[in-house]
Amino acid sequence: MTDGPPSEEELAQIRQRLHALEIEHHDLDDVIGRLAGDLAQDQLQLQRLKKRKLYLKDQIQRLRTRLIPDIIA
């Protein structure tokens, strides 16, 4: 990647990756919601899923930021 604005190809790759991460984030949200209601659920596993969800949220935000063009003031 260059320091300049991303090319059309790079933008397409970012959008594709963003879409995949958003789907995974949504799926994890559903799984966590179902598992949180089950008292017999392994809390360590639930915590790992929540950490993964937060990681995905951070990655999604970074990619969205790359899609917004810099405004030179």
PDB file of N, CA and C in Angstrom:
ATOM      1  N   MET A   1       0.822  -1.187   0.000  1.00  0.00           N
ATOM      2  CA  MET A   1       0.000   0.000   0.000  1.00  0.00           C
ATOM      3  C   MET A   1       0.864   1.247   0.000  1.00  0.00           C
ATOM      4  N   THR A   2       0.320   2.270  -0.578  1.00  0.00           N
ATOM      5  CA  THR A   2       1.049   3.523  -0.665  1.00  0.00           C
ATOM      6  C   THR A   2       0.524   4.508   0.363  1.00  0.00           C
ATOM      7  N   ASP A   3       1.243   5.634   0.470  1.00  0.00           N
ATOM      8  CA  ASP A   3       0.815   6.668   1.406  1.00  0.00           C
ATOM      9  C   ASP A   3      -0.327   7.495   0.845  1.00  0.00           C
ATOM     10  N   GLY A   4      -0.516   7.467  -0.470  1.00  0.00           N
ATOM     11  CA  GLY A   4      -1.565   8.234  -1.112  1.00  0.00           C
ATOM     12  C   GLY A   4      -2.924   7.571  -0.923  1.00  0.00           C
ATOM     13  N   PRO A   5      -3.912   8.126  -1.599  1.00  0.00           N
ATOM     14  CA  PRO A   5      -5.249   7.531  -1.502  1.00  0.00           C
ATOM     15  C   PRO A   5      -5.265   6.139  -2.120  1.00  0.00           C
ATOM     16  N   PRO A   6      -6.108   5.259  -1.608  1.00  0.00           N
ATOM     17  CA  PRO A   6      -6.154   3.897  -2.140  1.00  0.00           C
ATOM     18  C   PRO A   6      -6.689   3.885  -3.576  1.00  0.00           C
ATOM     19  N   SER A   7      -6.193   2.946  -4.363  1.00  0.00           N
ATOM     20  CA  SER A   7      -6.659   2.787  -5.745  1.00  0.00           C
ATOM     21  C   SER A   7      -8.057   2.172  -5.725  1.00  0.00           C
ATOM     22  N   GLU A   8      -8.694   2.152  -6.884  1.00  0.00           N
ATOM     23  CA  GLU A   8     -10.030   1.548  -6.993  1.00  0.00           C
ATOM     24  C   GLU A   8      -9.982   0.067  -6.620  1.00  0.00           C
ATOM     25  N   GLU A   9      -8.898  -0.595  -7.015  1.00  0.00           N
ATOM     26  CA  GLU A   9      -8.747  -2.010  -6.680  1.00  0.00           C
ATOM     27  C   GLU A   9      -8.623  -2.203  -5.159  1.00  0.00           C
ATOM     28  N   GLU A  10      -7.825  -1.352  -4.527  1.00  0.00           N
ATOM     29  CA  GLU A  10      -7.676  -1.426  -3.073  1.00  0.00           C
ATOM     30  C   GLU A  10      -8.995  -1.114  -2.373  1.00  0.00           C
ATOM     31  N   LEU A  11      -9.737  -0.144  -2.880  1.00  0.00           N
ATOM     32  CA  LEU A  11     -11.042   0.191  -2.301  1.00  0.00           C
ATOM     33  C   LEU A  11     -12.000  -0.996  -2.402  1.00  0.00           C
ATOM     34  N   ALA A  12     -11.979  -1.676  -3.523  1.00  0.00           N
ATOM     35  CA  ALA A  12     -12.837  -2.849  -3.701  1.00  0.00           C
ATOM     36  C   ALA A  12     -12.457  -3.951  -2.712  1.00  0.00           C
ATOM     37  N   GLN A  13     -11.153  -4.153  -2.515  1.00  0.00           N
ATOM     38  CA  GLN A  13     -10.684  -5.160  -1.556  1.00  0.00           C
ATOM     39  C   GLN A  13     -11.086  -4.783  -0.137  1.00  0.00           C
ATOM     40  N   ILE A  14     -10.984  -3.502   0.187  1.00  0.00           N
ATOM     41  CA  ILE A  14     -11.360  -3.035   1.523  1.00  0.00           C
ATOM     42  C   ILE A  14     -12.849  -3.261   1.746  1.00  0.00           C
ATOM     43  N   ARG A  15     -13.659  -2.910   0.752  1.00  0.00           N
ATOM     44  CA  ARG A  15     -15.118  -3.099   0.881  1.00  0.00           C
ATOM     45  C   ARG A  15     -15.478  -4.570   1.051  1.00  0.00           C
ATOM     46  N   GLN A  16     -14.792  -5.427   0.313  1.00  0.00           N
ATOM     47  CA  GLN A  16     -15.045  -6.866   0.409  1.00  0.00           C
ATOM     48  C   GLN A  16     -14.673  -7.384   1.805  1.00  0.00           C
ATOM     49  N   ARG A  17     -13.515  -6.979   2.275  1.00  0.00           N
ATOM     50  CA  ARG A  17     -13.071  -7.402   3.616  1.00  0.00           C
ATOM     51  C   ARG A  17     -14.003  -6.843   4.690  1.00  0.00           C
ATOM     52  N   LEU A  18     -14.425  -5.593   4.527  1.00  0.00           N
ATOM     53  CA  LEU A  18     -15.334  -4.954   5.467  1.00  0.00           C
ATOM     54  C   LEU A  18     -16.645  -5.730   5.549  1.00  0.00           C
ATOM     55  N   HIS A  19     -17.160  -6.121   4.407  1.00  0.00           N
ATOM     56  CA  HIS A  19     -18.411  -6.877   4.377  1.00  0.00           C
ATOM     57  C   HIS A  19     -18.265  -8.214   5.108  1.00  0.00           C
ATOM     58  N   ALA A  20     -17.168  -8.912   4.870  1.00  0.00           N
ATOM     59  CA  ALA A  20     -16.926 -10.200   5.529  1.00  0.00           C
ATOM     60  C   ALA A  20     -16.820 -10.029   7.045  1.00  0.00           C
ATOM     61  N   LEU A  21     -16.123  -8.981   7.484  1.00  0.00           N
ATOM     62  CA  LEU A  21     -15.981  -8.734   8.926  1.00  0.00           C
ATOM     63  C   LEU A  21     -17.321  -8.372   9.556  1.00  0.00           C
ATOM     64  N   GLU A  22     -18.132  -7.581   8.855  1.00  0.00           N
ATOM     65  CA  GLU A  22     -19.444  -7.210   9.384  1.00  0.00           C
ATOM     66  C   GLU A  22     -20.342  -8.429   9.553  1.00  0.00           C
ATOM     67  N   ILE A  23     -20.273  -9.359   8.605  1.00  0.00           N
ATOM     68  CA  ILE A  23     -21.062 -10.589   8.711  1.00  0.00           C
ATOM     69  C   ILE A  23     -20.601 -11.416   9.911  1.00  0.00           C
ATOM     70  N   GLU A  24     -19.286 -11.563  10.046  1.00  0.00           N
ATOM     71  CA  GLU A  24     -18.749 -12.342  11.181  1.00  0.00           C
ATOM     72  C   GLU A  24     -19.123 -11.679  12.505  1.00  0.00           C
ATOM     73  N   HIS A  25     -19.045 -10.352  12.567  1.00  0.00           N
ATOM     74  CA  HIS A  25     -19.391  -9.611  13.786  1.00  0.00           C
ATOM     75  C   HIS A  25     -20.859  -9.841  14.145  1.00  0.00           C
ATOM     76  N   HIS A  26     -21.725  -9.771  13.143  1.00  0.00           N
ATOM     77  CA  HIS A  26     -23.157  -9.982  13.376  1.00  0.00           C
ATOM     78  C   HIS A  26     -23.415 -11.414  13.846  1.00  0.00           C
ATOM     79  N   ASP A  27     -22.769 -12.379  13.214  1.00  0.00           N
ATOM     80  CA  ASP A  27     -22.934 -13.781  13.604  1.00  0.00           C
ATOM     81  C   ASP A  27     -22.465 -14.005  15.038  1.00  0.00           C
ATOM     82  N   LEU A  28     -21.330 -13.413  15.390  1.00  0.00           N
ATOM     83  CA  LEU A  28     -20.830 -13.549  16.766  1.00  0.00           C
ATOM     84  C   LEU A  28     -21.799 -12.918  17.759  1.00  0.00           C
ATOM     85  N   ASP A  29     -22.380 -11.805  17.389  1.00  0.00           N
ATOM     86  CA  ASP A  29     -23.359 -11.139  18.248  1.00  0.00           C
ATOM     87  C   ASP A  29     -24.527 -12.081  18.539  1.00  0.00           C
ATOM     88  N   ASP A  30     -25.011 -12.774  17.507  1.00  0.00           N
ATOM     89  CA  ASP A  30     -26.103 -13.735  17.687  1.00  0.00           C
ATOM     90  C   ASP A  30     -25.691 -14.888  18.598  1.00  0.00           C
ATOM     91  N   VAL A  31     -24.508 -15.440  18.358  1.00  0.00           N
ATOM     92  CA  VAL A  31     -24.020 -16.571  19.159  1.00  0.00           C
ATOM     93  C   VAL A  31     -23.850 -16.162  20.616  1.00  0.00           C
ATOM     94  N   ILE A  32     -23.236 -15.005  20.839  1.00  0.00           N
ATOM     95  CA  ILE A  32     -23.014 -14.527  22.203  1.00  0.00           C
ATOM     96  C   ILE A  32     -24.345 -14.315  22.907  1.00  0.00           C
ATOM     97  N   GLY A  33     -25.313 -13.753  22.199  1.00  0.00           N
ATOM     98  CA  GLY A  33     -26.636 -13.537  22.791  1.00  0.00           C
ATOM     99  C   GLY A  33     -27.284 -14.834  23.233  1.00  0.00           C
ATOM    100  N   ARG A  34     -27.168 -15.863  22.411  1.00  0.00           N
ATOM    101  CA  ARG A  34     -27.754 -17.159  22.771  1.00  0.00           C
ATOM    102  C   ARG A  34     -27.001 -17.823  23.916  1.00  0.00           C
ATOM    103  N   LEU A  35     -25.667 -17.762  23.874  1.00  0.00           N
ATOM    104  CA  LEU A  35     -24.866 -18.437  24.903  1.00  0.00           C
ATOM    105  C   LEU A  35     -24.933 -17.719  26.242  1.00  0.00           C
ATOM    106  N   ALA A  36     -25.102 -16.414  26.223  1.00  0.00           N
ATOM    107  CA  ALA A  36     -25.138 -15.649  27.475  1.00  0.00           C
ATOM    108  C   ALA A  36     -26.337 -16.045  28.331  1.00  0.00           C
ATOM    109  N   GLY A  37     -27.402 -16.490  27.709  1.00  0.00           N
ATOM    110  CA  GLY A  37     -28.583 -16.907  28.457  1.00  0.00           C
ATOM    111  C   GLY A  37     -28.476 -18.294  29.055  1.00  0.00           C
ATOM    112  N   ASP A  38     -27.467 -19.052  28.649  1.00  0.00           N
ATOM    113  CA  ASP A  38     -27.277 -20.422  29.131  1.00  0.00           C
ATOM    114  C   ASP A  38     -26.279 -20.418  30.284  1.00  0.00           C
ATOM    115  N   LEU A  39     -26.767 -20.649  31.502  1.00  0.00           N
ATOM    116  CA  LEU A  39     -25.901 -20.601  32.682  1.00  0.00           C
ATOM    117  C   LEU A  39     -24.855 -21.707  32.694  1.00  0.00           C
ATOM    118  N   ALA A  40     -25.119 -22.791  31.967  1.00  0.00           N
ATOM    119  CA  ALA A  40     -24.171 -23.906  31.925  1.00  0.00           C
ATOM    120  C   ALA A  40     -23.036 -23.641  30.931  1.00  0.00           C
ATOM    121  N   GLN A  41     -23.121 -22.560  30.200  1.00  0.00           N
ATOM    122  CA  GLN A  41     -22.113 -22.250  29.176  1.00  0.00           C
ATOM    123  C   GLN A  41     -20.761 -21.927  29.812  1.00  0.00           C
ATOM    124  N   ASP A  42     -19.716 -22.379  29.165  1.00  0.00           N
ATOM    125  CA  ASP A  42     -18.345 -22.112  29.591  1.00  0.00           C
ATOM    126  C   ASP A  42     -18.079 -20.603  29.503  1.00  0.00           C
ATOM    127  N   GLN A  43     -17.847 -19.967  30.628  1.00  0.00           N
ATOM    128  CA  GLN A  43     -17.644 -18.517  30.666  1.00  0.00           C
ATOM    129  C   GLN A  43     -16.358 -18.094  29.969  1.00  0.00           C
ATOM    130  N   LEU A  44     -15.344 -18.941  29.992  1.00  0.00           N
ATOM    131  CA  LEU A  44     -14.097 -18.623  29.304  1.00  0.00           C
ATOM    132  C   LEU A  44     -14.329 -18.555  27.789  1.00  0.00           C
ATOM    133  N   GLN A  45     -15.071 -19.509  27.272  1.00  0.00           N
ATOM    134  CA  GLN A  45     -15.385 -19.504  25.848  1.00  0.00           C
ATOM    135  C   GLN A  45     -16.205 -18.261  25.496  1.00  0.00           C
ATOM    136  N   LEU A  46     -17.158 -17.919  26.325  1.00  0.00           N
ATOM    137  CA  LEU A  46     -17.982 -16.739  26.089  1.00  0.00           C
ATOM    138  C   LEU A  46     -17.131 -15.472  26.082  1.00  0.00           C
ATOM    139  N   GLN A  47     -16.194 -15.393  27.004  1.00  0.00           N
ATOM    140  CA  GLN A  47     -15.310 -14.231  27.062  1.00  0.00           C
ATOM    141  C   GLN A  47     -14.423 -14.154  25.819  1.00  0.00           C
ATOM    142  N   ARG A  48     -13.948 -15.288  25.338  1.00  0.00           N
ATOM    143  CA  ARG A  48     -13.134 -15.296  24.110  1.00  0.00           C
ATOM    144  C   ARG A  48     -13.945 -14.816  22.913  1.00  0.00           C
ATOM    145  N   LEU A  49     -15.201 -15.238  22.841  1.00  0.00           N
ATOM    146  CA  LEU A  49     -16.066 -14.787  21.755  1.00  0.00           C
ATOM    147  C   LEU A  49     -16.284 -13.276  21.823  1.00  0.00           C
ATOM    148  N   LYS A  50     -16.455 -12.755  23.021  1.00  0.00           N
ATOM    149  CA  LYS A  50     -16.642 -11.312  23.190  1.00  0.00           C
ATOM    150  C   LYS A  50     -15.387 -10.542  22.790  1.00  0.00           C
ATOM    151  N   LYS A  51     -14.217 -11.072  23.128  1.00  0.00           N
ATOM    152  CA  LYS A  51     -12.963 -10.420  22.724  1.00  0.00           C
ATOM    153  C   LYS A  51     -12.812 -10.429  21.211  1.00  0.00           C
ATOM    154  N   ARG A  52     -13.170 -11.542  20.594  1.00  0.00           N
ATOM    155  CA  ARG A  52     -13.108 -11.629  19.130  1.00  0.00           C
ATOM    156  C   ARG A  52     -14.056 -10.602  18.511  1.00  0.00           C
ATOM    157  N   LYS A  53     -15.228 -10.463  19.087  1.00  0.00           N
ATOM    158  CA  LYS A  53     -16.204  -9.498  18.579  1.00  0.00           C
ATOM    159  C   LYS A  53     -15.657  -8.072  18.681  1.00  0.00           C
ATOM    160  N   LEU A  54     -15.010  -7.743  19.791  1.00  0.00           N
ATOM    161  CA  LEU A  54     -14.414  -6.413  19.944  1.00  0.00           C
ATOM    162  C   LEU A  54     -13.282  -6.192  18.942  1.00  0.00           C
ATOM    163  N   TYR A  55     -12.486  -7.227  18.722  1.00  0.00           N
ATOM    164  CA  TYR A  55     -11.410  -7.137  17.732  1.00  0.00           C
ATOM    165  C   TYR A  55     -11.997  -6.849  16.348  1.00  0.00           C
ATOM    166  N   LEU A  56     -13.071  -7.570  16.000  1.00  0.00           N
ATOM    167  CA  LEU A  56     -13.716  -7.353  14.713  1.00  0.00           C
ATOM    168  C   LEU A  56     -14.264  -5.930  14.599  1.00  0.00           C
ATOM    169  N   LYS A  57     -14.831  -5.442  15.684  1.00  0.00           N
ATOM    170  CA  LYS A  57     -15.362  -4.076  15.682  1.00  0.00           C
ATOM    171  C   LYS A  57     -14.251  -3.070  15.403  1.00  0.00           C
ATOM    172  N   ASP A  58     -13.097  -3.260  16.013  1.00  0.00           N
ATOM    173  CA  ASP A  58     -11.950  -2.377  15.773  1.00  0.00           C
ATOM    174  C   ASP A  58     -11.492  -2.456  14.314  1.00  0.00           C
ATOM    175  N   GLN A  59     -11.424  -3.665  13.769  1.00  0.00           N
ATOM    176  CA  GLN A  59     -11.006  -3.839  12.383  1.00  0.00           C
ATOM    177  C   GLN A  59     -12.001  -3.184  11.417  1.00  0.00           C
ATOM    178  N   ILE A  60     -13.272  -3.337  11.711  1.00  0.00           N
ATOM    179  CA  ILE A  60     -14.314  -2.723  10.885  1.00  0.00           C
ATOM    180  C   ILE A  60     -14.154  -1.208  10.887  1.00  0.00           C
ATOM    181  N   GLN A  61     -13.916  -0.639  12.061  1.00  0.00           N
ATOM    182  CA  GLN A  61     -13.759   0.809  12.157  1.00  0.00           C
ATOM    183  C   GLN A  61     -12.529   1.286  11.386  1.00  0.00           C
ATOM    184  N   ARG A  62     -11.437   0.547  11.473  1.00  0.00           N
ATOM    185  CA  ARG A  62     -10.223   0.920  10.727  1.00  0.00           C
ATOM    186  C   ARG A  62     -10.462   0.904   9.221  1.00  0.00           C
ATOM    187  N   LEU A  63     -11.159  -0.120   8.755  1.00  0.00           N
ATOM    188  CA  LEU A  63     -11.437  -0.206   7.320  1.00  0.00           C
ATOM    189  C   LEU A  63     -12.384   0.902   6.872  1.00  0.00           C
ATOM    190  N   ARG A  64     -13.389   1.206   7.677  1.00  0.00           N
ATOM    191  CA  ARG A  64     -14.305   2.303   7.330  1.00  0.00           C
ATOM    192  C   ARG A  64     -13.552   3.628   7.249  1.00  0.00           C
ATOM    193  N   THR A  65     -12.599   3.826   8.139  1.00  0.00           N
ATOM    194  CA  THR A  65     -11.802   5.045   8.128  1.00  0.00           C
ATOM    195  C   THR A  65     -10.990   5.131   6.838  1.00  0.00           C
ATOM    196  N   ARG A  66     -10.485   4.005   6.354  1.00  0.00           N
ATOM    197  CA  ARG A  66      -9.699   4.006   5.104  1.00  0.00           C
ATOM    198  C   ARG A  66     -10.561   4.321   3.889  1.00  0.00           C
ATOM    199  N   LEU A  67     -11.861   4.039   3.980  1.00  0.00           N
ATOM    200  CA  LEU A  67     -12.748   4.316   2.862  1.00  0.00           C
ATOM    201  C   LEU A  67     -13.119   5.793   2.747  1.00  0.00           C
ATOM    202  N   ILE A  68     -12.950   6.531   3.848  1.00  0.00           N
ATOM    203  CA  ILE A  68     -13.288   7.952   3.854  1.00  0.00           C
ATOM    204  C   ILE A  68     -12.079   8.725   3.345  1.00  0.00           C
ATOM    205  N   PRO A  69     -12.245   9.492   2.279  1.00  0.00           N
ATOM    206  CA  PRO A  69     -11.088  10.244   1.739  1.00  0.00           C
ATOM    207  C   PRO A  69     -10.633  11.331   2.709  1.00  0.00           C
ATOM    208  N   ASP A  70      -9.331  11.551   2.721  1.00  0.00           N
ATOM    209  CA  ASP A  70      -8.772  12.620   3.544  1.00  0.00           C
ATOM    210  C   ASP A  70      -9.185  13.961   2.967  1.00  0.00           C
ATOM    211  N   ILE A  71      -9.558  14.868   3.848  1.00  0.00           N
ATOM    212  CA  ILE A  71      -9.905  16.222   3.429  1.00  0.00           C
ATOM    213  C   ILE A  71      -8.735  17.126   3.801  1.00  0.00           C
ATOM    214  N   ILE A  72      -8.155  17.721   2.796  1.00  0.00           N
ATOM    215  CA  ILE A  72      -7.026  18.597   3.037  1.00  0.00           C
ATOM    216  C   ILE A  72      -7.564  19.995   3.342  1.00  0.00           C
ATOM    217  N   ALA A  73      -7.236  20.467   4.530  1.00  0.00           N
ATOM    218  CA  ALA A  73      -7.772  21.765   4.956  1.00  0.00           C
ATOM    219  C   ALA A  73      -6.777  22.880   4.639  1.00  0.00           C
TER     220      ALA A  73
END
